[in-house]
Amino acid sequence: MDPDRFAQVPLETEAQLHDWLDRHHGQDDSVWLVTWKKGAGPHLSRDAVLDALLAYGWIDGRRAARDDGRTMQLISPRRHQRWTRTYRKRVARLTEAGRMRPAGPAAVKAA
């Protein structure tokens, strides 16, 4: 996949990811989320990223190396398709914990 096809969004913290999703969750375009590899800089775990994405109705996708210290992950607003069992379980856990944002349940309902 051509890394130049989508915008690259470099983030270092979970708070930055939530802030970005607060501002951009309604967009239609996928983006590359650029984060540091573990041990190379401020690291965002895959679980933290996925929980944040699902809370806003987004999903994770393909991962690729960006450079020696960073990775890119394609993230996208969830289309009106059935959610996987794994995602549904995570959404249930996030809902129970009160961590879903308004856009998240709307995306689940539309699926």
PDB file of N, CA and C in Angstrom:
ATOM      1  N   MET A   1       0.848  -1.176   0.000  1.00  0.00           N
ATOM      2  CA  MET A   1       0.000   0.000   0.000  1.00  0.00           C
ATOM      3  C   MET A   1       0.890   1.234   0.000  1.00  0.00           C
ATOM      4  N   ASP A   2       0.574   2.175  -0.837  1.00  0.00           N
ATOM      5  CA  ASP A   2       1.346   3.401  -0.977  1.00  0.00           C
ATOM      6  C   ASP A   2       1.194   4.273   0.271  1.00  0.00           C
ATOM      7  N   PRO A   3       2.297   4.510   1.025  1.00  0.00           N
ATOM      8  CA  PRO A   3       2.188   5.311   2.244  1.00  0.00           C
ATOM      9  C   PRO A   3       1.823   6.766   1.977  1.00  0.00           C
ATOM     10  N   ASP A   4       1.997   7.227   0.752  1.00  0.00           N
ATOM     11  CA  ASP A   4       1.661   8.616   0.430  1.00  0.00           C
ATOM     12  C   ASP A   4       0.195   8.795   0.050  1.00  0.00           C
ATOM     13  N   ARG A   5      -0.531   7.706  -0.053  1.00  0.00           N
ATOM     14  CA  ARG A   5      -1.941   7.787  -0.447  1.00  0.00           C
ATOM     15  C   ARG A   5      -2.807   8.405   0.652  1.00  0.00           C
ATOM     16  N   PHE A   6      -2.389   8.235   1.903  1.00  0.00           N
ATOM     17  CA  PHE A   6      -3.150   8.749   3.038  1.00  0.00           C
ATOM     18  C   PHE A   6      -2.280   9.701   3.851  1.00  0.00           C
ATOM     19  N   ALA A   7      -2.921  10.655   4.504  1.00  0.00           N
ATOM     20  CA  ALA A   7      -2.201  11.572   5.388  1.00  0.00           C
ATOM     21  C   ALA A   7      -1.575  10.783   6.534  1.00  0.00           C
ATOM     22  N   GLN A   8      -0.436  11.271   7.019  1.00  0.00           N
ATOM     23  CA  GLN A   8       0.228  10.655   8.160  1.00  0.00           C
ATOM     24  C   GLN A   8       0.024  11.542   9.381  1.00  0.00           C
ATOM     25  N   VAL A   9      -0.417  10.933  10.477  1.00  0.00           N
ATOM     26  CA  VAL A   9      -0.711  11.653  11.715  1.00  0.00           C
ATOM     27  C   VAL A   9       0.220  11.113  12.801  1.00  0.00           C
ATOM     28  N   PRO A  10       1.309  11.841  13.109  1.00  0.00           N
ATOM     29  CA  PRO A  10       2.217  11.383  14.156  1.00  0.00           C
ATOM     30  C   PRO A  10       1.699  11.783  15.540  1.00  0.00           C
ATOM     31  N   LEU A  11       1.577  10.799  16.433  1.00  0.00           N
ATOM     32  CA  LEU A  11       1.105  11.041  17.798  1.00  0.00           C
ATOM     33  C   LEU A  11       1.980  10.270  18.775  1.00  0.00           C
ATOM     34  N   GLU A  12       2.113  10.811  19.988  1.00  0.00           N
ATOM     35  CA  GLU A  12       2.968  10.176  20.986  1.00  0.00           C
ATOM     36  C   GLU A  12       2.230   9.702  22.227  1.00  0.00           C
ATOM     37  N   THR A  13       1.039  10.229  22.482  1.00  0.00           N
ATOM     38  CA  THR A  13       0.339   9.867  23.715  1.00  0.00           C
ATOM     39  C   THR A  13      -1.107   9.488  23.429  1.00  0.00           C
ATOM     40  N   GLU A  14      -1.682   8.770  24.371  1.00  0.00           N
ATOM     41  CA  GLU A  14      -3.091   8.402  24.264  1.00  0.00           C
ATOM     42  C   GLU A  14      -3.969   9.654  24.275  1.00  0.00           C
ATOM     43  N   ALA A  15      -3.580  10.653  25.067  1.00  0.00           N
ATOM     44  CA  ALA A  15      -4.336  11.912  25.117  1.00  0.00           C
ATOM     45  C   ALA A  15      -4.333  12.601  23.755  1.00  0.00           C
ATOM     46  N   GLN A  16      -3.196  12.581  23.060  1.00  0.00           N
ATOM     47  CA  GLN A  16      -3.129  13.168  21.718  1.00  0.00           C
ATOM     48  C   GLN A  16      -4.025  12.412  20.751  1.00  0.00           C
ATOM     49  N   LEU A  17      -4.072  11.097  20.875  1.00  0.00           N
ATOM     50  CA  LEU A  17      -4.932  10.293  20.007  1.00  0.00           C
ATOM     51  C   LEU A  17      -6.397  10.635  20.250  1.00  0.00           C
ATOM     52  N   HIS A  18      -6.804  10.719  21.510  1.00  0.00           N
ATOM     53  CA  HIS A  18      -8.192  11.082  21.822  1.00  0.00           C
ATOM     54  C   HIS A  18      -8.513  12.487  21.314  1.00  0.00           C
ATOM     55  N   ASP A  19      -7.574  13.412  21.469  1.00  0.00           N
ATOM     56  CA  ASP A  19      -7.788  14.777  20.977  1.00  0.00           C
ATOM     57  C   ASP A  19      -7.968  14.773  19.462  1.00  0.00           C
ATOM     58  N   TRP A  20      -7.121  14.017  18.752  1.00  0.00           N
ATOM     59  CA  TRP A  20      -7.232  13.949  17.293  1.00  0.00           C
ATOM     60  C   TRP A  20      -8.582  13.343  16.901  1.00  0.00           C
ATOM     61  N   LEU A  21      -8.970  12.260  17.564  1.00  0.00           N
ATOM     62  CA  LEU A  21     -10.250  11.619  17.253  1.00  0.00           C
ATOM     63  C   LEU A  21     -11.430  12.530  17.590  1.00  0.00           C
ATOM     64  N   ASP A  22     -11.336  13.296  18.677  1.00  0.00           N
ATOM     65  CA  ASP A  22     -12.392  14.272  18.997  1.00  0.00           C
ATOM     66  C   ASP A  22     -12.621  15.220  17.828  1.00  0.00           C
ATOM     67  N   ARG A  23     -11.530  15.647  17.206  1.00  0.00           N
ATOM     68  CA  ARG A  23     -11.623  16.633  16.124  1.00  0.00           C
ATOM     69  C   ARG A  23     -11.910  16.020  14.754  1.00  0.00           C
ATOM     70  N   HIS A  24     -11.540  14.765  14.540  1.00  0.00           N
ATOM     71  CA  HIS A  24     -11.594  14.189  13.191  1.00  0.00           C
ATOM     72  C   HIS A  24     -12.467  12.949  13.051  1.00  0.00           C
ATOM     73  N   HIS A  25     -13.166  12.520  14.098  1.00  0.00           N
ATOM     74  CA  HIS A  25     -13.902  11.253  14.011  1.00  0.00           C
ATOM     75  C   HIS A  25     -14.964  11.252  12.918  1.00  0.00           C
ATOM     76  N   GLY A  26     -15.430  12.423  12.498  1.00  0.00           N
ATOM     77  CA  GLY A  26     -16.465  12.489  11.471  1.00  0.00           C
ATOM     78  C   GLY A  26     -15.958  12.457  10.042  1.00  0.00           C
ATOM     79  N   GLN A  27     -14.651  12.460   9.855  1.00  0.00           N
ATOM     80  CA  GLN A  27     -14.126  12.460   8.488  1.00  0.00           C
ATOM     81  C   GLN A  27     -14.286  11.088   7.848  1.00  0.00           C
ATOM     82  N   ASP A  28     -14.296  11.063   6.533  1.00  0.00           N
ATOM     83  CA  ASP A  28     -14.468   9.813   5.789  1.00  0.00           C
ATOM     84  C   ASP A  28     -13.149   9.136   5.434  1.00  0.00           C
ATOM     85  N   ASP A  29     -12.061   9.892   5.434  1.00  0.00           N
ATOM     86  CA  ASP A  29     -10.784   9.374   4.951  1.00  0.00           C
ATOM     87  C   ASP A  29     -10.003   8.621   6.018  1.00  0.00           C
ATOM     88  N   SER A  30      -9.367   7.562   5.598  1.00  0.00           N
ATOM     89  CA  SER A  30      -8.422   6.840   6.445  1.00  0.00           C
ATOM     90  C   SER A  30      -7.148   7.666   6.566  1.00  0.00           C
ATOM     91  N   VAL A  31      -6.366   7.406   7.605  1.00  0.00           N
ATOM     92  CA  VAL A  31      -5.066   8.053   7.784  1.00  0.00           C
ATOM     93  C   VAL A  31      -4.081   7.027   8.329  1.00  0.00           C
ATOM     94  N   TRP A  32      -2.806   7.329   8.161  1.00  0.00           N
ATOM     95  CA  TRP A  32      -1.760   6.538   8.793  1.00  0.00           C
ATOM     96  C   TRP A  32      -1.488   7.125  10.168  1.00  0.00           C
ATOM     97  N   LEU A  33      -1.680   6.351  11.216  1.00  0.00           N
ATOM     98  CA  LEU A  33      -1.313   6.746  12.566  1.00  0.00           C
ATOM     99  C   LEU A  33       0.156   6.369  12.748  1.00  0.00           C
ATOM    100  N   VAL A  34       1.007   7.359  12.971  1.00  0.00           N
ATOM    101  CA  VAL A  34       2.445   7.127  13.112  1.00  0.00           C
ATOM    102  C   VAL A  34       2.800   7.173  14.598  1.00  0.00           C
ATOM    103  N   THR A  35       3.342   6.071  15.108  1.00  0.00           N
ATOM    104  CA  THR A  35       3.713   5.983  16.523  1.00  0.00           C
ATOM    105  C   THR A  35       5.116   5.394  16.655  1.00  0.00           C
ATOM    106  N   TRP A  36       5.704   5.609  17.821  1.00  0.00           N
ATOM    107  CA  TRP A  36       7.037   5.080  18.110  1.00  0.00           C
ATOM    108  C   TRP A  36       6.971   3.587  18.397  1.00  0.00           C
ATOM    109  N   LYS A  37       7.999   2.889  17.952  1.00  0.00           N
ATOM    110  CA  LYS A  37       8.151   1.488  18.327  1.00  0.00           C
ATOM    111  C   LYS A  37       8.514   1.423  19.805  1.00  0.00           C
ATOM    112  N   LYS A  38       8.159   0.332  20.436  1.00  0.00           N
ATOM    113  CA  LYS A  38       8.469   0.149  21.853  1.00  0.00           C
ATOM    114  C   LYS A  38       9.979   0.273  22.057  1.00  0.00           C
ATOM    115  N   GLY A  39      10.382   1.121  22.987  1.00  0.00           N
ATOM    116  CA  GLY A  39      11.796   1.324  23.281  1.00  0.00           C
ATOM    117  C   GLY A  39      12.466   2.396  22.447  1.00  0.00           C
ATOM    118  N   ALA A  40      11.789   2.909  21.422  1.00  0.00           N
ATOM    119  CA  ALA A  40      12.394   3.916  20.548  1.00  0.00           C
ATOM    120  C   ALA A  40      11.928   5.331  20.874  1.00  0.00           C
ATOM    121  N   GLY A  41      10.878   5.449  21.659  1.00  0.00           N
ATOM    122  CA  GLY A  41      10.314   6.754  22.004  1.00  0.00           C
ATOM    123  C   GLY A  41       9.040   6.538  22.782  1.00  0.00           C
ATOM    124  N   PRO A  42       8.260   7.589  22.990  1.00  0.00           N
ATOM    125  CA  PRO A  42       6.989   7.424  23.713  1.00  0.00           C
ATOM    126  C   PRO A  42       6.105   6.416  22.978  1.00  0.00           C
ATOM    127  N   HIS A  43       5.759   5.339  23.642  1.00  0.00           N
ATOM    128  CA  HIS A  43       5.086   4.210  22.981  1.00  0.00           C
ATOM    129  C   HIS A  43       3.601   4.162  23.326  1.00  0.00           C
ATOM    130  N   LEU A  44       2.774   4.024  22.310  1.00  0.00           N
ATOM    131  CA  LEU A  44       1.340   3.773  22.477  1.00  0.00           C
ATOM    132  C   LEU A  44       1.107   2.290  22.214  1.00  0.00           C
ATOM    133  N   SER A  45       0.540   1.588  23.163  1.00  0.00           N
ATOM    134  CA  SER A  45       0.307   0.155  22.965  1.00  0.00           C
ATOM    135  C   SER A  45      -0.796  -0.067  21.932  1.00  0.00           C
ATOM    136  N   ARG A  46      -0.767  -1.225  21.306  1.00  0.00           N
ATOM    137  CA  ARG A  46      -1.801  -1.571  20.325  1.00  0.00           C
ATOM    138  C   ARG A  46      -3.171  -1.605  20.982  1.00  0.00           C
ATOM    139  N   ASP A  47      -3.241  -2.098  22.219  1.00  0.00           N
ATOM    140  CA  ASP A  47      -4.525  -2.148  22.925  1.00  0.00           C
ATOM    141  C   ASP A  47      -5.071  -0.748  23.189  1.00  0.00           C
ATOM    142  N   ALA A  48      -4.209   0.174  23.610  1.00  0.00           N
ATOM    143  CA  ALA A  48      -4.655   1.548  23.873  1.00  0.00           C
ATOM    144  C   ALA A  48      -5.163   2.201  22.593  1.00  0.00           C
ATOM    145  N   VAL A  49      -4.451   1.971  21.491  1.00  0.00           N
ATOM    146  CA  VAL A  49      -4.873   2.538  20.204  1.00  0.00           C
ATOM    147  C   VAL A  49      -6.217   1.952  19.790  1.00  0.00           C
ATOM    148  N   LEU A  50      -6.359   0.633  19.853  1.00  0.00           N
ATOM    149  CA  LEU A  50      -7.600   0.001  19.418  1.00  0.00           C
ATOM    150  C   LEU A  50      -8.779   0.435  20.285  1.00  0.00           C
ATOM    151  N   ASP A  51      -8.588   0.503  21.594  1.00  0.00           N
ATOM    152  CA  ASP A  51      -9.678   0.951  22.466  1.00  0.00           C
ATOM    153  C   ASP A  51     -10.107   2.371  22.117  1.00  0.00           C
ATOM    154  N   ALA A  52      -9.148   3.254  21.884  1.00  0.00           N
ATOM    155  CA  ALA A  52      -9.482   4.637  21.523  1.00  0.00           C
ATOM    156  C   ALA A  52     -10.230   4.681  20.194  1.00  0.00           C
ATOM    157  N   LEU A  53      -9.754   3.929  19.213  1.00  0.00           N
ATOM    158  CA  LEU A  53     -10.407   3.922  17.900  1.00  0.00           C
ATOM    159  C   LEU A  53     -11.843   3.433  18.002  1.00  0.00           C
ATOM    160  N   LEU A  54     -12.048   2.316  18.668  1.00  0.00           N
ATOM    161  CA  LEU A  54     -13.393   1.755  18.780  1.00  0.00           C
ATOM    162  C   LEU A  54     -14.329   2.691  19.531  1.00  0.00           C
ATOM    163  N   ALA A  55     -13.810   3.404  20.512  1.00  0.00           N
ATOM    164  CA  ALA A  55     -14.639   4.337  21.282  1.00  0.00           C
ATOM    165  C   ALA A  55     -15.233   5.424  20.395  1.00  0.00           C
ATOM    166  N   TYR A  56     -14.562   5.714  19.283  1.00  0.00           N
ATOM    167  CA  TYR A  56     -15.028   6.745  18.352  1.00  0.00           C
ATOM    168  C   TYR A  56     -15.634   6.163  17.075  1.00  0.00           C
ATOM    169  N   GLY A  57     -15.761   4.843  17.004  1.00  0.00           N
ATOM    170  CA  GLY A  57     -16.329   4.227  15.816  1.00  0.00           C
ATOM    171  C   GLY A  57     -15.335   4.036  14.688  1.00  0.00           C
ATOM    172  N   TRP A  58     -14.054   4.019  15.012  1.00  0.00           N
ATOM    173  CA  TRP A  58     -13.004   3.781  14.032  1.00  0.00           C
ATOM    174  C   TRP A  58     -12.434   2.380  14.247  1.00  0.00           C
ATOM    175  N   ILE A  59     -11.668   1.900  13.260  1.00  0.00           N
ATOM    176  CA  ILE A  59     -11.029   0.594  13.365  1.00  0.00           C
ATOM    177  C   ILE A  59      -9.570   0.697  12.944  1.00  0.00           C
ATOM    178  N   ASP A  60      -8.818  -0.314  13.350  1.00  0.00           N
ATOM    179  CA  ASP A  60      -7.416  -0.389  12.966  1.00  0.00           C
ATOM    180  C   ASP A  60      -7.283  -1.220  11.706  1.00  0.00           C
ATOM    181  N   GLY A  61      -6.175  -1.035  11.030  1.00  0.00           N
ATOM    182  CA  GLY A  61      -5.936  -1.772   9.798  1.00  0.00           C
ATOM    183  C   GLY A  61      -4.472  -2.156   9.678  1.00  0.00           C
ATOM    184  N   ARG A  62      -4.020  -2.182   8.477  1.00  0.00           N
ATOM    185  CA  ARG A  62      -2.670  -2.626   8.151  1.00  0.00           C
ATOM    186  C   ARG A  62      -1.604  -1.824   8.891  1.00  0.00           C
ATOM    187  N   ARG A  63      -0.551  -2.521   9.316  1.00  0.00           N
ATOM    188  CA  ARG A  63       0.606  -1.887   9.954  1.00  0.00           C
ATOM    189  C   ARG A  63       1.795  -1.981   9.007  1.00  0.00           C
ATOM    190  N   ALA A  64       2.674  -0.977   9.083  1.00  0.00           N
ATOM    191  CA  ALA A  64       3.870  -0.964   8.253  1.00  0.00           C
ATOM    192  C   ALA A  64       4.967  -0.200   8.984  1.00  0.00           C
ATOM    193  N   ALA A  65       6.208  -0.511   8.665  1.00  0.00           N
ATOM    194  CA  ALA A  65       7.325   0.239   9.233  1.00  0.00           C
ATOM    195  C   ALA A  65       7.368   1.619   8.592  1.00  0.00           C
ATOM    196  N   ARG A  66       7.586   2.638   9.388  1.00  0.00           N
ATOM    197  CA  ARG A  66       7.732   4.014   8.879  1.00  0.00           C
ATOM    198  C   ARG A  66       9.207   4.315   8.684  1.00  0.00           C
ATOM    199  N   ASP A  67       9.987   4.000   9.709  1.00  0.00           N
ATOM    200  CA  ASP A  67      11.442   4.132   9.689  1.00  0.00           C
ATOM    201  C   ASP A  67      11.985   3.257  10.816  1.00  0.00           C
ATOM    202  N   ASP A  68      13.246   3.424  11.176  1.00  0.00           N
ATOM    203  CA  ASP A  68      13.843   2.548  12.193  1.00  0.00           C
ATOM    204  C   ASP A  68      13.152   2.633  13.548  1.00  0.00           C
ATOM    205  N   GLY A  69      12.588   3.791  13.892  1.00  0.00           N
ATOM    206  CA  GLY A  69      12.013   3.960  15.211  1.00  0.00           C
ATOM    207  C   GLY A  69      10.505   4.033  15.270  1.00  0.00           C
ATOM    208  N   ARG A  70       9.845   4.096  14.106  1.00  0.00           N
ATOM    209  CA  ARG A  70       8.396   4.306  14.124  1.00  0.00           C
ATOM    210  C   ARG A  70       7.662   3.327  13.211  1.00  0.00           C
ATOM    211  N   THR A  71       6.395   3.098  13.561  1.00  0.00           N
ATOM    212  CA  THR A  71       5.509   2.293  12.731  1.00  0.00           C
ATOM    213  C   THR A  71       4.332   3.152  12.294  1.00  0.00           C
ATOM    214  N   MET A  72       3.647   2.685  11.273  1.00  0.00           N
ATOM    215  CA  MET A  72       2.422   3.332  10.802  1.00  0.00           C
ATOM    216  C   MET A  72       1.322   2.288  10.844  1.00  0.00           C
ATOM    217  N   GLN A  73       0.136   2.732  11.220  1.00  0.00           N
ATOM    218  CA  GLN A  73      -1.022   1.848  11.182  1.00  0.00           C
ATOM    219  C   GLN A  73      -2.149   2.599  10.498  1.00  0.00           C
ATOM    220  N   LEU A  74      -2.741   1.965   9.504  1.00  0.00           N
ATOM    221  CA  LEU A  74      -3.862   2.580   8.808  1.00  0.00           C
ATOM    222  C   LEU A  74      -5.081   2.509   9.715  1.00  0.00           C
ATOM    223  N   ILE A  75      -5.672   3.660   9.997  1.00  0.00           N
ATOM    224  CA  ILE A  75      -6.886   3.703  10.819  1.00  0.00           C
ATOM    225  C   ILE A  75      -7.989   4.339   9.986  1.00  0.00           C
ATOM    226  N   SER A  76      -9.218   3.874  10.206  1.00  0.00           N
ATOM    227  CA  SER A  76     -10.328   4.281   9.341  1.00  0.00           C
ATOM    228  C   SER A  76     -11.629   4.370  10.118  1.00  0.00           C
ATOM    229  N   PRO A  77     -12.510   5.276   9.678  1.00  0.00           N
ATOM    230  CA  PRO A  77     -13.861   5.237  10.243  1.00  0.00           C
ATOM    231  C   PRO A  77     -14.514   3.925   9.819  1.00  0.00           C
ATOM    232  N   ARG A  78     -15.227   3.311  10.734  1.00  0.00           N
ATOM    233  CA  ARG A  78     -15.861   2.030  10.433  1.00  0.00           C
ATOM    234  C   ARG A  78     -17.015   2.243   9.472  1.00  0.00           C
ATOM    235  N   ARG A  79     -16.977   1.522   8.390  1.00  0.00           N
ATOM    236  CA  ARG A  79     -18.063   1.581   7.419  1.00  0.00           C
ATOM    237  C   ARG A  79     -19.268   0.820   7.971  1.00  0.00           C
ATOM    238  N   HIS A  80     -20.354   0.859   7.278  1.00  0.00           N
ATOM    239  CA  HIS A  80     -21.580   0.202   7.740  1.00  0.00           C
ATOM    240  C   HIS A  80     -21.527  -1.294   7.447  1.00  0.00           C
ATOM    241  N   GLN A  81     -20.561  -1.949   8.066  1.00  0.00           N
ATOM    242  CA  GLN A  81     -20.395  -3.387   7.920  1.00  0.00           C
ATOM    243  C   GLN A  81     -20.464  -4.021   9.299  1.00  0.00           C
ATOM    244  N   ARG A  82     -20.717  -5.290   9.324  1.00  0.00           N
ATOM    245  CA  ARG A  82     -20.789  -6.027  10.589  1.00  0.00           C
ATOM    246  C   ARG A  82     -19.440  -5.951  11.307  1.00  0.00           C
ATOM    247  N   TRP A  83     -19.491  -5.737  12.617  1.00  0.00           N
ATOM    248  CA  TRP A  83     -18.284  -5.689  13.436  1.00  0.00           C
ATOM    249  C   TRP A  83     -17.888  -7.112  13.815  1.00  0.00           C
ATOM    250  N   THR A  84     -16.599  -7.379  13.899  1.00  0.00           N
ATOM    251  CA  THR A  84     -16.137  -8.706  14.292  1.00  0.00           C
ATOM    252  C   THR A  84     -16.494  -8.971  15.754  1.00  0.00           C
ATOM    253  N   ARG A  85     -16.513 -10.230  16.119  1.00  0.00           N
ATOM    254  CA  ARG A  85     -16.812 -10.611  17.502  1.00  0.00           C
ATOM    255  C   ARG A  85     -15.809  -9.960  18.466  1.00  0.00           C
ATOM    256  N   THR A  86     -14.538  -9.938  18.085  1.00  0.00           N
ATOM    257  CA  THR A  86     -13.513  -9.323  18.933  1.00  0.00           C
ATOM    258  C   THR A  86     -13.814  -7.850  19.171  1.00  0.00           C
ATOM    259  N   TYR A  87     -14.168  -7.131  18.117  1.00  0.00           N
ATOM    260  CA  TYR A  87     -14.500  -5.708  18.265  1.00  0.00           C
ATOM    261  C   TYR A  87     -15.754  -5.535  19.116  1.00  0.00           C
ATOM    262  N   ARG A  88     -16.759  -6.377  18.904  1.00  0.00           N
ATOM    263  CA  ARG A  88     -17.995  -6.261  19.696  1.00  0.00           C
ATOM    264  C   ARG A  88     -17.722  -6.488  21.181  1.00  0.00           C
ATOM    265  N   LYS A  89     -16.850  -7.438  21.504  1.00  0.00           N
ATOM    266  CA  LYS A  89     -16.495  -7.686  22.904  1.00  0.00           C
ATOM    267  C   LYS A  89     -15.768  -6.477  23.498  1.00  0.00           C
ATOM    268  N   ARG A  90     -14.864  -5.903  22.739  1.00  0.00           N
ATOM    269  CA  ARG A  90     -14.148  -4.716  23.221  1.00  0.00           C
ATOM    270  C   ARG A  90     -15.105  -3.549  23.425  1.00  0.00           C
ATOM    271  N   VAL A  91     -16.014  -3.358  22.486  1.00  0.00           N
ATOM    272  CA  VAL A  91     -16.990  -2.273  22.602  1.00  0.00           C
ATOM    273  C   VAL A  91     -17.861  -2.483  23.837  1.00  0.00           C
ATOM    274  N   ALA A  92     -18.253  -3.720  24.108  1.00  0.00           N
ATOM    275  CA  ALA A  92     -19.058  -4.003  25.304  1.00  0.00           C
ATOM    276  C   ALA A  92     -18.279  -3.642  26.566  1.00  0.00           C
ATOM    277  N   ARG A  93     -17.000  -3.988  26.594  1.00  0.00           N
ATOM    278  CA  ARG A  93     -16.157  -3.665  27.748  1.00  0.00           C
ATOM    279  C   ARG A  93     -15.988  -2.154  27.892  1.00  0.00           C
ATOM    280  N   LEU A  94     -15.759  -1.460  26.782  1.00  0.00           N
ATOM    281  CA  LEU A  94     -15.616   0.000  26.817  1.00  0.00           C
ATOM    282  C   LEU A  94     -16.916   0.671  27.244  1.00  0.00           C
ATOM    283  N   THR A  95     -18.041   0.142  26.780  1.00  0.00           N
ATOM    284  CA  THR A  95     -19.348   0.689  27.157  1.00  0.00           C
ATOM    285  C   THR A  95     -19.573   0.525  28.653  1.00  0.00           C
ATOM    286  N   GLU A  96     -19.293  -0.667  29.155  1.00  0.00           N
ATOM    287  CA  GLU A  96     -19.467  -0.937  30.586  1.00  0.00           C
ATOM    288  C   GLU A  96     -18.585  -0.020  31.438  1.00  0.00           C
ATOM    289  N   ALA A  97     -17.403   0.302  30.929  1.00  0.00           N
ATOM    290  CA  ALA A  97     -16.470   1.165  31.657  1.00  0.00           C
ATOM    291  C   ALA A  97     -16.767   2.652  31.447  1.00  0.00           C
ATOM    292  N   GLY A  98     -17.772   2.965  30.607  1.00  0.00           N
ATOM    293  CA  GLY A  98     -18.114   4.362  30.348  1.00  0.00           C
ATOM    294  C   GLY A  98     -17.104   5.090  29.482  1.00  0.00           C
ATOM    295  N   ARG A  99     -16.387   4.351  28.641  1.00  0.00           N
ATOM    296  CA  ARG A  99     -15.323   4.947  27.827  1.00  0.00           C
ATOM    297  C   ARG A  99     -15.719   5.205  26.376  1.00  0.00           C
ATOM    298  N   MET A 100     -16.930   4.834  25.985  1.00  0.00           N
ATOM    299  CA  MET A 100     -17.365   5.082  24.608  1.00  0.00           C
ATOM    300  C   MET A 100     -17.693   6.558  24.430  1.00  0.00           C
ATOM    301  N   ARG A 101     -17.362   7.092  23.259  1.00  0.00           N
ATOM    302  CA  ARG A 101     -17.707   8.462  22.890  1.00  0.00           C
ATOM    303  C   ARG A 101     -18.975   8.401  22.047  1.00  0.00           C
ATOM    304  N   PRO A 102     -19.727   9.487  21.900  1.00  0.00           N
ATOM    305  CA  PRO A 102     -20.998   9.429  21.161  1.00  0.00           C
ATOM    306  C   PRO A 102     -20.883   8.821  19.759  1.00  0.00           C
ATOM    307  N   ALA A 103     -19.796   9.076  19.060  1.00  0.00           N
ATOM    308  CA  ALA A 103     -19.647   8.545  17.704  1.00  0.00           C
ATOM    309  C   ALA A 103     -19.488   7.027  17.694  1.00  0.00           C
ATOM    310  N   GLY A 104     -18.960   6.446  18.758  1.00  0.00           N
ATOM    311  CA  GLY A 104     -18.737   5.003  18.808  1.00  0.00           C
ATOM    312  C   GLY A 104     -20.020   4.200  18.778  1.00  0.00           C
ATOM    313  N   PRO A 105     -20.948   4.430  19.730  1.00  0.00           N
ATOM    314  CA  PRO A 105     -22.207   3.686  19.696  1.00  0.00           C
ATOM    315  C   PRO A 105     -23.000   3.930  18.414  1.00  0.00           C
ATOM    316  N   ALA A 106     -22.900   5.133  17.861  1.00  0.00           N
ATOM    317  CA  ALA A 106     -23.600   5.424  16.603  1.00  0.00           C
ATOM    318  C   ALA A 106     -23.059   4.540  15.485  1.00  0.00           C
ATOM    319  N   ALA A 107     -21.744   4.333  15.448  1.00  0.00           N
ATOM    320  CA  ALA A 107     -21.147   3.475  14.420  1.00  0.00           C
ATOM    321  C   ALA A 107     -21.550   2.021  14.627  1.00  0.00           C
ATOM    322  N   VAL A 108     -21.598   1.583  15.875  1.00  0.00           N
ATOM    323  CA  VAL A 108     -22.004   0.203  16.167  1.00  0.00           C
ATOM    324  C   VAL A 108     -23.457  -0.004  15.752  1.00  0.00           C
ATOM    325  N   LYS A 109     -24.306   0.954  16.084  1.00  0.00           N
ATOM    326  CA  LYS A 109     -25.728   0.847  15.747  1.00  0.00           C
ATOM    327  C   LYS A 109     -25.946   0.819  14.233  1.00  0.00           C
ATOM    328  N   ALA A 110     -25.159   1.589  13.493  1.00  0.00           N
ATOM    329  CA  ALA A 110     -25.310   1.665  12.041  1.00  0.00           C
ATOM    330  C   ALA A 110     -24.823   0.396  11.347  1.00  0.00           C
ATOM    331  N   ALA A 111     -24.008  -0.399  12.033  1.00  0.00           N
ATOM    332  CA  ALA A 111     -23.408  -1.587  11.402  1.00  0.00           C
ATOM    333  C   ALA A 111     -24.406  -2.700  11.205  1.00  0.00           C
TER     334      ALA A 111
END
